[in-house]
PDB file of N, CA and C in Angstrom:
ATOM      1  N   MET A   1     138.380 143.854  62.830  1.00  0.00           N
ATOM      2  CA  MET A   1     137.683 142.030  63.626  1.00  0.00           C
ATOM      3  C   MET A   1     137.055 140.934  62.249  1.00  0.00           C
ATOM      4  N   ASN A   2     137.644 141.174  61.256  1.00  0.00           N
ATOM      5  CA  ASN A   2     138.250 140.435  60.119  1.00  0.00           C
ATOM      6  C   ASN A   2     138.924 138.877  60.992  1.00  0.00           C
ATOM      7  N   GLU A   3     138.715 138.621  61.654  1.00  0.00           N
ATOM      8  CA  GLU A   3     139.634 137.193  62.120  1.00  0.00           C
ATOM      9  C   GLU A   3     140.301 135.872  61.069  1.00  0.00           C
ATOM     10  N   ASN A   4     141.168 135.497  60.893  1.00  0.00           N
ATOM     11  CA  ASN A   4     141.093 134.242  59.925  1.00  0.00           C
ATOM     12  C   ASN A   4     141.479 132.693  60.685  1.00  0.00           C
ATOM     13  N   LYS A   5     139.728 132.472  60.488  1.00  0.00           N
ATOM     14  CA  LYS A   5     140.093 131.038  61.318  1.00  0.00           C
ATOM     15  C   LYS A   5     140.424 130.368  59.924  1.00  0.00           C
ATOM     16  N   SER A   6     140.627 128.911  61.531  1.00  0.00           N
ATOM     17  CA  SER A   6     141.073 127.954  60.994  1.00  0.00           C
ATOM     18  C   SER A   6     139.850 126.726  59.997  1.00  0.00           C
ATOM     19  N   LEU A   7     139.647 126.771  59.616  1.00  0.00           N
ATOM     20  CA  LEU A   7     138.294 125.316  59.232  1.00  0.00           C
ATOM     21  C   LEU A   7     138.288 124.866  60.151  1.00  0.00           C
ATOM     22  N   TYR A   8     138.885 124.008  61.236  1.00  0.00           N
ATOM     23  CA  TYR A   8     139.102 122.838  62.246  1.00  0.00           C
ATOM     24  C   TYR A   8     138.115 124.209  63.200  1.00  0.00           C
ATOM     25  N   ASP A   9     138.153 125.295  63.204  1.00  0.00           N
ATOM     26  CA  ASP A   9     137.396 126.051  64.694  1.00  0.00           C
ATOM     27  C   ASP A   9     136.216 126.972  63.917  1.00  0.00           C
ATOM     28  N   GLU A  10     136.110 126.914  62.493  1.00  0.00           N
ATOM     29  CA  GLU A  10     134.629 127.018  62.088  1.00  0.00           C
ATOM     30  C   GLU A  10     133.617 125.894  61.902  1.00  0.00           C
ATOM     31  N   MET A  11     134.291 125.226  61.774  1.00  0.00           N
ATOM     32  CA  MET A  11     133.395 123.229  61.974  1.00  0.00           C
ATOM     33  C   MET A  11     132.878 123.353  63.279  1.00  0.00           C
ATOM     34  N   LYS A  12     133.825 123.757  64.764  1.00  0.00           N
ATOM     35  CA  LYS A  12     133.082 123.894  66.185  1.00  0.00           C
ATOM     36  C   LYS A  12     133.014 124.378  65.956  1.00  0.00           C
ATOM     37  N   GLU A  13     132.431 126.339  65.487  1.00  0.00           N
ATOM     38  CA  GLU A  13     131.589 126.979  65.805  1.00  0.00           C
ATOM     39  C   GLU A  13     130.213 126.410  65.150  1.00  0.00           C
ATOM     40  N   PHE A  14     130.295 126.124  63.954  1.00  0.00           N
ATOM     41  CA  PHE A  14     128.765 125.125  63.193  1.00  0.00           C
ATOM     42  C   PHE A  14     127.901 124.401  63.999  1.00  0.00           C
ATOM     43  N   GLN A  15     129.131 123.544  64.987  1.00  0.00           N
ATOM     44  CA  GLN A  15     128.837 122.627  65.863  1.00  0.00           C
ATOM     45  C   GLN A  15     127.827 123.381  67.162  1.00  0.00           C
ATOM     46  N   HIS A  16     128.076 124.311  67.204  1.00  0.00           N
ATOM     47  CA  HIS A  16     127.805 125.471  68.695  1.00  0.00           C
ATOM     48  C   HIS A  16     126.335 125.520  67.748  1.00  0.00           C
ATOM     49  N   GLU A  17     126.446 125.915  66.682  1.00  0.00           N
ATOM     50  CA  GLU A  17     125.679 126.944  66.359  1.00  0.00           C
ATOM     51  C   GLU A  17     124.512 126.252  66.160  1.00  0.00           C
ATOM     52  N   LYS A  18     124.803 124.592  65.683  1.00  0.00           N
ATOM     53  CA  LYS A  18     123.664 123.297  65.142  1.00  0.00           C
ATOM     54  C   LYS A  18     122.529 123.728  65.769  1.00  0.00           C
ATOM     55  N   LYS A  19     122.768 123.523  66.339  1.00  0.00           N
ATOM     56  CA  LYS A  19     121.445 123.265  67.806  1.00  0.00           C
ATOM     57  C   LYS A  19     120.259 124.382  67.382  1.00  0.00           C
ATOM     58  N   LYS A  20     120.452 125.555  67.715  1.00  0.00           N
ATOM     59  CA  LYS A  20     120.312 126.462  67.953  1.00  0.00           C
ATOM     60  C   LYS A  20     118.966 126.867  65.755  1.00  0.00           C
ATOM     61  N   TYR A  21     119.859 126.495  64.852  1.00  0.00           N
ATOM     62  CA  TYR A  21     119.024 126.133  63.507  1.00  0.00           C
ATOM     63  C   TYR A  21     118.207 125.645  64.079  1.00  0.00           C
ATOM     64  N   PHE A  22     118.949 124.191  64.401  1.00  0.00           N
ATOM     65  CA  PHE A  22     118.193 123.354  65.024  1.00  0.00           C
ATOM     66  C   PHE A  22     115.991 123.301  65.063  1.00  0.00           C
ATOM     67  N   ILE A  23     116.454 124.059  66.507  1.00  0.00           N
ATOM     68  CA  ILE A  23     115.479 124.900  66.859  1.00  0.00           C
ATOM     69  C   ILE A  23     114.355 125.621  65.814  1.00  0.00           C
ATOM     70  N   GLY A  24     115.232 126.537  65.762  1.00  0.00           N
ATOM     71  CA  GLY A  24     113.984 127.079  64.613  1.00  0.00           C
ATOM     72  C   GLY A  24     114.370 126.092  63.425  1.00  0.00           C
ATOM     73  N   LEU A  25     114.471 125.584  63.336  1.00  0.00           N
ATOM     74  CA  LEU A  25     113.572 124.832  61.694  1.00  0.00           C
ATOM     75  C   LEU A  25     112.410 124.249  62.279  1.00  0.00           C
ATOM     76  N   ILE A  26     112.798 123.691  63.757  1.00  0.00           N
ATOM     77  CA  ILE A  26     111.550 122.983  64.047  1.00  0.00           C
ATOM     78  C   ILE A  26     110.039 123.693  64.291  1.00  0.00           C
ATOM     79  N   ILE A  27     110.788 125.022  65.050  1.00  0.00           N
ATOM     80  CA  ILE A  27     109.549 125.473  65.253  1.00  0.00           C
ATOM     81  C   ILE A  27     108.668 126.186  63.872  1.00  0.00           C
ATOM     82  N   LEU A  28     109.572 126.564  62.732  1.00  0.00           N
ATOM     83  CA  LEU A  28     109.101 126.646  61.811  1.00  0.00           C
ATOM     84  C   LEU A  28     107.679 125.552  61.545  1.00  0.00           C
ATOM     85  N   GLY A  29     109.361 124.312  61.013  1.00  0.00           N
ATOM     86  CA  GLY A  29     108.424 123.252  60.844  1.00  0.00           C
ATOM     87  C   GLY A  29     106.966 123.643  61.329  1.00  0.00           C
ATOM     88  N   PHE A  30     106.891 123.247  62.360  1.00  0.00           N
ATOM     89  CA  PHE A  30     104.937 122.942  63.296  1.00  0.00           C
ATOM     90  C   PHE A  30     104.581 124.327  63.227  1.00  0.00           C
ATOM     91  N   LEU A  31     104.850 125.279  62.868  1.00  0.00           N
ATOM     92  CA  LEU A  31     104.555 126.291  62.462  1.00  0.00           C
ATOM     93  C   LEU A  31     103.766 126.910  60.372  1.00  0.00           C
ATOM     94  N   GLY A  32     105.107 126.109  60.162  1.00  0.00           N
ATOM     95  CA  GLY A  32     104.092 125.455  58.704  1.00  0.00           C
ATOM     96  C   GLY A  32     102.970 124.655  58.806  1.00  0.00           C
ATOM     97  N   LEU A  33     103.148 123.353  59.762  1.00  0.00           N
ATOM     98  CA  LEU A  33     101.912 122.759  59.504  1.00  0.00           C
ATOM     99  C   LEU A  33     100.519 122.953  60.081  1.00  0.00           C
ATOM    100  N   LEU A  34     100.658 124.585  60.635  1.00  0.00           N
ATOM    101  CA  LEU A  34      99.036 125.143  61.206  1.00  0.00           C
ATOM    102  C   LEU A  34      99.233 126.161  60.138  1.00  0.00           C
ATOM    103  N   LEU A  35     100.280 127.035  59.555  1.00  0.00           N
ATOM    104  CA  LEU A  35      99.419 127.906  58.141  1.00  0.00           C
ATOM    105  C   LEU A  35     100.574 127.444  56.809  1.00  0.00           C
ATOM    106  N   PRO A  36      99.537 126.798  55.967  1.00  0.00           N
ATOM    107  CA  PRO A  36      99.811 127.060  54.912  1.00  0.00           C
ATOM    108  C   PRO A  36     100.966 127.877  53.492  1.00  0.00           C
ATOM    109  N   ILE A  37     101.605 128.614  54.210  1.00  0.00           N
ATOM    110  CA  ILE A  37     102.086 129.465  53.225  1.00  0.00           C
ATOM    111  C   ILE A  37     103.204 128.532  54.027  1.00  0.00           C
ATOM    112  N   ILE A  38     103.623 128.438  54.962  1.00  0.00           N
ATOM    113  CA  ILE A  38     105.368 127.981  54.858  1.00  0.00           C
ATOM    114  C   ILE A  38     105.041 126.253  54.712  1.00  0.00           C
ATOM    115  N   PRO A  39     106.121 126.263  53.694  1.00  0.00           N
ATOM    116  CA  PRO A  39     106.048 124.360  53.962  1.00  0.00           C
ATOM    117  C   PRO A  39     106.566 123.976  55.351  1.00  0.00           C
ATOM    118  N   GLY A  40     106.383 123.436  56.027  1.00  0.00           N
ATOM    119  CA  GLY A  40     105.805 122.932  57.919  1.00  0.00           C
ATOM    120  C   GLY A  40     107.203 121.383  57.411  1.00  0.00           C
ATOM    121  N   LEU A  41     106.795 120.384  56.348  1.00  0.00           N
ATOM    122  CA  LEU A  41     107.306 118.998  56.336  1.00  0.00           C
ATOM    123  C   LEU A  41     108.532 119.819  55.822  1.00  0.00           C
ATOM    124  N   ALA A  42     108.795 120.212  55.135  1.00  0.00           N
ATOM    125  CA  ALA A  42     110.255 119.948  54.698  1.00  0.00           C
ATOM    126  C   ALA A  42     111.261 121.056  55.336  1.00  0.00           C
ATOM    127  N   LEU A  43     110.690 121.885  56.632  1.00  0.00           N
ATOM    128  CA  LEU A  43     111.263 122.435  57.441  1.00  0.00           C
ATOM    129  C   LEU A  43     111.844 121.522  59.053  1.00  0.00           C
ATOM    130  N   ILE A  44     110.522 120.441  58.979  1.00  0.00           N
ATOM    131  CA  ILE A  44     110.530 119.643  60.037  1.00  0.00           C
ATOM    132  C   ILE A  44     111.946 118.384  59.372  1.00  0.00           C
ATOM    133  N   GLY A  45     111.799 118.260  57.981  1.00  0.00           N
ATOM    134  CA  GLY A  45     113.147 117.683  58.071  1.00  0.00           C
ATOM    135  C   GLY A  45     114.148 117.598  57.529  1.00  0.00           C
ATOM    136  N   LEU A  46     114.393 119.132  57.273  1.00  0.00           N
ATOM    137  CA  LEU A  46     116.035 119.835  57.143  1.00  0.00           C
ATOM    138  C   LEU A  46     116.248 119.923  58.876  1.00  0.00           C
ATOM    139  N   GLY A  47     115.657 120.130  60.067  1.00  0.00           N
ATOM    140  CA  GLY A  47     116.250 120.094  60.960  1.00  0.00           C
ATOM    141  C   GLY A  47     116.440 118.899  61.248  1.00  0.00           C
ATOM    142  N   ILE A  48     116.392 117.868  61.509  1.00  0.00           N
ATOM    143  CA  ILE A  48     116.205 116.661  61.428  1.00  0.00           C
ATOM    144  C   ILE A  48     117.580 116.126  60.177  1.00  0.00           C
ATOM    145  N   ALA A  49     117.502 116.377  59.412  1.00  0.00           N
ATOM    146  CA  ALA A  49     118.955 116.165  58.491  1.00  0.00           C
ATOM    147  C   ALA A  49     120.080 117.400  59.405  1.00  0.00           C
ATOM    148  N   LEU A  50     119.222 118.212  59.426  1.00  0.00           N
ATOM    149  CA  LEU A  50     120.739 118.473  59.924  1.00  0.00           C
ATOM    150  C   LEU A  50     121.312 118.136  61.135  1.00  0.00           C
ATOM    151  N   ILE A  51     120.284 117.410  62.536  1.00  0.00           N
ATOM    152  CA  ILE A  51     121.473 117.002  63.654  1.00  0.00           C
ATOM    153  C   ILE A  51     121.516 115.295  63.470  1.00  0.00           C
ATOM    154  N   ILE A  52     121.009 115.261  62.238  1.00  0.00           N
ATOM    155  CA  ILE A  52     120.514 113.265  62.265  1.00  0.00           C
ATOM    156  C   ILE A  52     121.462 113.602  61.326  1.00  0.00           C
ATOM    157  N   PRO A  53     122.569 113.470  60.863  1.00  0.00           N
ATOM    158  CA  PRO A  53     122.430 113.442  58.633  1.00  0.00           C
ATOM    159  C   PRO A  53     122.776 112.395  58.541  1.00  0.00           C
ATOM    160  N   GLU A  54     122.419 110.675  59.323  1.00  0.00           N
ATOM    161  CA  GLU A  54     121.981 109.579  58.169  1.00  0.00           C
ATOM    162  C   GLU A  54     120.930 109.418  57.921  1.00  0.00           C
ATOM    163  N   THR A  55     119.432 109.848  59.283  1.00  0.00           N
ATOM    164  CA  THR A  55     118.524 110.295  59.115  1.00  0.00           C
ATOM    165  C   THR A  55     118.520 110.854  58.070  1.00  0.00           C
ATOM    166  N   GLY A  56     118.873 112.212  57.622  1.00  0.00           N
ATOM    167  CA  GLY A  56     118.482 112.561  57.139  1.00  0.00           C
ATOM    168  C   GLY A  56     118.918 111.887  55.169  1.00  0.00           C
ATOM    169  N   ALA A  57     119.896 112.082  55.230  1.00  0.00           N
ATOM    170  CA  ALA A  57     120.343 111.196  53.847  1.00  0.00           C
ATOM    171  C   ALA A  57     119.464 109.865  53.861  1.00  0.00           C
ATOM    172  N   ARG A  58     118.686 108.995  54.765  1.00  0.00           N
ATOM    173  CA  ARG A  58     117.854 108.064  54.672  1.00  0.00           C
ATOM    174  C   ARG A  58     116.515 108.911  54.287  1.00  0.00           C
ATOM    175  N   LEU A  59     116.180 109.936  54.251  1.00  0.00           N
ATOM    176  CA  LEU A  59     114.934 110.496  54.588  1.00  0.00           C
ATOM    177  C   LEU A  59     114.687 111.538  52.938  1.00  0.00           C
ATOM    178  N   MET A  60     115.797 111.760  52.635  1.00  0.00           N
ATOM    179  CA  MET A  60     115.984 112.483  51.656  1.00  0.00           C
ATOM    180  C   MET A  60     115.833 111.669  50.569  1.00  0.00           C
ATOM    181  N   GLN A  61     116.627 110.901  50.471  1.00  0.00           N
ATOM    182  CA  GLN A  61     116.718 109.049  49.422  1.00  0.00           C
ATOM    183  C   GLN A  61     115.064 108.853  49.576  1.00  0.00           C
ATOM    184  N   ARG A  62     114.366 108.980  50.454  1.00  0.00           N
ATOM    185  CA  ARG A  62     113.014 108.670  50.198  1.00  0.00           C
ATOM    186  C   ARG A  62     112.219 108.960  49.478  1.00  0.00           C
ATOM    187  N   VAL A  63     112.616 110.664  49.612  1.00  0.00           N
ATOM    188  CA  VAL A  63     111.611 111.458  49.612  1.00  0.00           C
ATOM    189  C   VAL A  63     112.359 111.897  47.233  1.00  0.00           C
ATOM    190  N   LYS A  64     113.426 111.798  46.798  1.00  0.00           N
ATOM    191  CA  LYS A  64     113.981 111.220  45.901  1.00  0.00           C
ATOM    192  C   LYS A  64     112.972 109.873  45.421  1.00  0.00           C
ATOM    193  N   ASP A  65     112.776 108.829  45.847  1.00  0.00           N
ATOM    194  CA  ASP A  65     112.165 108.063  45.270  1.00  0.00           C
ATOM    195  C   ASP A  65     110.811 108.036  45.027  1.00  0.00           C
ATOM    196  N   GLU A  66     110.473 108.767  46.533  1.00  0.00           N
ATOM    197  CA  GLU A  66     109.008 108.998  46.209  1.00  0.00           C
ATOM    198  C   GLU A  66     108.147 110.304  44.986  1.00  0.00           C
ATOM    199  N   ILE A  67     109.774 111.310  44.351  1.00  0.00           N
ATOM    200  CA  ILE A  67     109.260 111.518  43.509  1.00  0.00           C
ATOM    201  C   ILE A  67     109.523 111.298  42.673  1.00  0.00           C
ATOM    202  N   ARG A  68     110.012 110.407  42.179  1.00  0.00           N
ATOM    203  CA  ARG A  68     110.641 109.716  40.665  1.00  0.00           C
ATOM    204  C   ARG A  68     109.547 108.485  40.041  1.00  0.00           C
ATOM    205  N   SER A  69     109.249 107.971  41.253  1.00  0.00           N
ATOM    206  CA  SER A  69     107.731 107.108  41.234  1.00  0.00           C
ATOM    207  C   SER A  69     106.650 108.339  41.104  1.00  0.00           C
ATOM    208  N   PHE A  70     105.970 109.212  41.114  1.00  0.00           N
ATOM    209  CA  PHE A  70     104.813 110.234  40.983  1.00  0.00           C
ATOM    210  C   PHE A  70     105.607 110.546  40.183  1.00  0.00           C
ATOM    211  N   VAL A  71     106.329 110.892  39.322  1.00  0.00           N
ATOM    212  CA  VAL A  71     106.094 111.619  37.673  1.00  0.00           C
ATOM    213  C   VAL A  71     106.978 110.341  36.627  1.00  0.00           C
ATOM    214  N   SER A  72     107.055 109.313  36.946  1.00  0.00           N
ATOM    215  CA  SER A  72     106.899 108.214  36.065  1.00  0.00           C
ATOM    216  C   SER A  72     105.919 107.865  35.929  1.00  0.00           C
TER     217      SER A  72
END
């Protein structure tokens, strides 16, 4: 059952599965806002970055800038 898929086929498959990952990350993120054990905002941010890559890149840059200003 080991198929040799092309990169294009794997990318198409991931595009279909991406919505499942997004829903899972968002649900876990909201649970994380209620439970202190799970990092809620991080999971919500990952879900957004998965669906909207441009917004995810901007969000990551803002986080990096905030961390740098906090450390400095």
